[in-house]
Amino acid sequence: MGAGEELLDKMIALIIDPALRVVFTLGLFLFLWGVVEFLYKLSKGEVSTEGKNHMIWGLVGMLIMVSVYGIIALIVNTFELRGASTDVGRMNGIQTGNPFSDTLGQ
């Protein structure tokens, strides 16, 4: 694995993925806030355009984040930017999992 691939993997794992999750979560909270606001004003007999707007923009934000995540996955898979993983689970005598788990008890 080259230095460029390692840098890209670290950037995706440490910056891009967490940022996408945070923005997606914010979109979800905005949508839920819009639902609560809409239902609260509906129970009072009022029309809440603000609640509708929060729901719409929350859905738009979540759609954009899912699209960005899909585009990044498409680019990574198309150009084979991640190294080929080897399935070692079926090989005899190979321990899978955490290699440091045996040293923790010592």
C-alpha atoms as a PDB file:
ATOM      1  CA  MET A   1       0.000   0.000   0.000  1.00  0.00           C
ATOM      2  CA  GLY A   2       1.461   3.325  -1.025  1.00  0.00           C
ATOM      3  CA  ALA A   3       1.693   6.461   1.036  1.00  0.00           C
ATOM      4  CA  GLY A   4      -1.071   8.117  -0.983  1.00  0.00           C
ATOM      5  CA  GLU A   5      -3.475   5.264  -0.306  1.00  0.00           C
ATOM      6  CA  GLU A   6      -2.666   5.326   3.393  1.00  0.00           C
ATOM      7  CA  LEU A   7      -3.226   9.083   3.508  1.00  0.00           C
ATOM      8  CA  LEU A   8      -6.545   8.726   1.680  1.00  0.00           C
ATOM      9  CA  ASP A   9      -7.673   5.923   4.004  1.00  0.00           C
ATOM     10  CA  LYS A  10      -6.777   8.009   7.071  1.00  0.00           C
ATOM     11  CA  MET A  11      -8.519  11.106   5.670  1.00  0.00           C
ATOM     12  CA  ILE A  12     -11.672   9.126   4.970  1.00  0.00           C
ATOM     13  CA  ALA A  13     -11.629   7.355   8.337  1.00  0.00           C
ATOM     14  CA  LEU A  14     -10.716  10.338  10.523  1.00  0.00           C
ATOM     15  CA  ILE A  15     -12.255  13.346   8.761  1.00  0.00           C
ATOM     16  CA  ILE A  16     -14.802  12.574   6.056  1.00  0.00           C
ATOM     17  CA  ASP A  17     -16.773   9.705   7.657  1.00  0.00           C
ATOM     18  CA  PRO A  18     -17.237  11.450  11.042  1.00  0.00           C
ATOM     19  CA  ALA A  19     -18.182  14.731   9.342  1.00  0.00           C
ATOM     20  CA  LEU A  20     -20.793  12.966   7.200  1.00  0.00           C
ATOM     21  CA  ARG A  21     -22.232  11.244  10.265  1.00  0.00           C
ATOM     22  CA  VAL A  22     -22.438  14.497  12.229  1.00  0.00           C
ATOM     23  CA  VAL A  23     -24.155  16.389   9.407  1.00  0.00           C
ATOM     24  CA  PHE A  24     -26.524  13.462   8.769  1.00  0.00           C
ATOM     25  CA  THR A  25     -27.390  13.392  12.482  1.00  0.00           C
ATOM     26  CA  LEU A  26     -28.029  17.147  12.444  1.00  0.00           C
ATOM     27  CA  GLY A  27     -30.358  16.668   9.470  1.00  0.00           C
ATOM     28  CA  LEU A  28     -32.186  13.917  11.336  1.00  0.00           C
ATOM     29  CA  PHE A  29     -32.596  16.109  14.420  1.00  0.00           C
ATOM     30  CA  LEU A  30     -33.835  19.002  12.273  1.00  0.00           C
ATOM     31  CA  PHE A  31     -36.379  16.696  10.651  1.00  0.00           C
ATOM     32  CA  LEU A  32     -37.556  15.351  14.010  1.00  0.00           C
ATOM     33  CA  TRP A  33     -37.768  18.888  15.425  1.00  0.00           C
ATOM     34  CA  GLY A  34     -39.933  19.852  12.456  1.00  0.00           C
ATOM     35  CA  VAL A  35     -42.228  16.880  13.067  1.00  0.00           C
ATOM     36  CA  VAL A  36     -42.611  17.782  16.749  1.00  0.00           C
ATOM     37  CA  GLU A  37     -43.177  21.446  15.925  1.00  0.00           C
ATOM     38  CA  PHE A  38     -45.689  20.591  13.202  1.00  0.00           C
ATOM     39  CA  LEU A  39     -47.664  18.207  15.432  1.00  0.00           C
ATOM     40  CA  TYR A  40     -47.625  20.624  18.375  1.00  0.00           C
ATOM     41  CA  LYS A  41     -49.036  23.482  16.307  1.00  0.00           C
ATOM     42  CA  LEU A  42     -51.475  21.118  14.599  1.00  0.00           C
ATOM     43  CA  SER A  43     -52.878  20.111  18.001  1.00  0.00           C
ATOM     44  CA  LYS A  44     -53.494  23.812  18.709  1.00  0.00           C
ATOM     45  CA  GLY A  45     -55.333  24.186  15.409  1.00  0.00           C
ATOM     46  CA  GLU A  46     -52.643  26.329  13.818  1.00  0.00           C
ATOM     47  CA  VAL A  47     -50.812  25.854  10.534  1.00  0.00           C
ATOM     48  CA  SER A  48     -47.041  25.513  10.937  1.00  0.00           C
ATOM     49  CA  THR A  49     -45.130  26.367   7.800  1.00  0.00           C
ATOM     50  CA  GLU A  50     -41.992  26.585   9.911  1.00  0.00           C
ATOM     51  CA  GLY A  51     -42.368  22.948  10.985  1.00  0.00           C
ATOM     52  CA  LYS A  52     -42.923  21.894   7.371  1.00  0.00           C
ATOM     53  CA  ASN A  53     -39.798  23.771   6.306  1.00  0.00           C
ATOM     54  CA  HIS A  54     -37.731  22.105   9.047  1.00  0.00           C
ATOM     55  CA  MET A  55     -38.946  18.681   7.931  1.00  0.00           C
ATOM     56  CA  ILE A  56     -38.196  19.396   4.271  1.00  0.00           C
ATOM     57  CA  TRP A  57     -34.723  20.817   4.913  1.00  0.00           C
ATOM     58  CA  GLY A  58     -33.921  17.964   7.289  1.00  0.00           C
ATOM     59  CA  LEU A  59     -34.830  15.443   4.590  1.00  0.00           C
ATOM     60  CA  VAL A  60     -32.839  17.382   1.986  1.00  0.00           C
ATOM     61  CA  GLY A  61     -29.795  17.431   4.292  1.00  0.00           C
ATOM     62  CA  MET A  62     -30.012  13.694   4.956  1.00  0.00           C
ATOM     63  CA  LEU A  63     -30.435  12.980   1.238  1.00  0.00           C
ATOM     64  CA  ILE A  64     -27.370  15.061   0.418  1.00  0.00           C
ATOM     65  CA  MET A  65     -25.253  13.277   3.049  1.00  0.00           C
ATOM     66  CA  VAL A  66     -26.317   9.828   1.846  1.00  0.00           C
ATOM     67  CA  SER A  67     -25.524  10.922  -1.725  1.00  0.00           C
ATOM     68  CA  VAL A  68     -22.073  12.216  -0.729  1.00  0.00           C
ATOM     69  CA  TYR A  69     -21.330   8.961   1.097  1.00  0.00           C
ATOM     70  CA  GLY A  70     -22.435   6.993  -1.967  1.00  0.00           C
ATOM     71  CA  ILE A  71     -20.333   9.123  -4.323  1.00  0.00           C
ATOM     72  CA  ILE A  72     -17.251   8.638  -2.140  1.00  0.00           C
ATOM     73  CA  ALA A  73     -17.858   4.878  -2.036  1.00  0.00           C
ATOM     74  CA  LEU A  74     -18.315   4.844  -5.818  1.00  0.00           C
ATOM     75  CA  ILE A  75     -15.032   6.691  -6.373  1.00  0.00           C
ATOM     76  CA  VAL A  76     -13.116   4.477  -3.939  1.00  0.00           C
ATOM     77  CA  ASN A  77     -14.508   1.280  -5.459  1.00  0.00           C
ATOM     78  CA  THR A  78     -14.192   2.424  -9.086  1.00  0.00           C
ATOM     79  CA  PHE A  79     -10.549   3.390  -8.843  1.00  0.00           C
ATOM     80  CA  GLU A  80      -9.740   0.589  -6.365  1.00  0.00           C
ATOM     81  CA  LEU A  81      -8.260   3.061  -3.901  1.00  0.00           C
ATOM     82  CA  ARG A  82      -8.428   0.642  -1.000  1.00  0.00           C
ATOM     83  CA  GLY A  83      -6.054  -2.279  -0.936  1.00  0.00           C
ATOM     84  CA  ALA A  84      -7.447  -5.698  -1.691  1.00  0.00           C
ATOM     85  CA  SER A  85      -8.373  -7.410   1.526  1.00  0.00           C
ATOM     86  CA  THR A  86      -7.401 -11.011   2.030  1.00  0.00           C
ATOM     87  CA  ASP A  87      -9.896 -13.380   3.617  1.00  0.00           C
ATOM     88  CA  VAL A  88      -7.762 -15.111   6.233  1.00  0.00           C
ATOM     89  CA  GLY A  89     -10.714 -16.524   8.163  1.00  0.00           C
ATOM     90  CA  ARG A  90     -10.589 -19.808   6.238  1.00  0.00           C
ATOM     91  CA  MET A  91      -6.851 -20.366   6.571  1.00  0.00           C
ATOM     92  CA  ASN A  92      -5.624 -22.854   9.154  1.00  0.00           C
ATOM     93  CA  GLY A  93      -3.460 -21.639  11.995  1.00  0.00           C
ATOM     94  CA  ILE A  94      -4.218 -17.940  11.530  1.00  0.00           C
ATOM     95  CA  GLN A  95      -5.655 -16.068  14.480  1.00  0.00           C
ATOM     96  CA  THR A  96      -8.186 -13.414  13.527  1.00  0.00           C
ATOM     97  CA  GLY A  97      -9.404 -10.594  15.724  1.00  0.00           C
ATOM     98  CA  ASN A  98      -7.460  -8.406  18.126  1.00  0.00           C
ATOM     99  CA  PRO A  99      -3.784  -9.459  18.244  1.00  0.00           C
ATOM    100  CA  PHE A 100      -3.314  -7.623  21.537  1.00  0.00           C
ATOM    101  CA  SER A 101      -6.127  -9.383  23.388  1.00  0.00           C
ATOM    102  CA  ASP A 102      -3.756 -11.990  24.885  1.00  0.00           C
ATOM    103  CA  THR A 103      -1.356  -9.363  26.233  1.00  0.00           C
ATOM    104  CA  LEU A 104      -4.011  -7.344  28.049  1.00  0.00           C
ATOM    105  CA  GLY A 105      -4.368  -9.827  30.880  1.00  0.00           C
ATOM    106  CA  GLN A 106      -0.636  -9.919  31.632  1.00  0.00           C
END
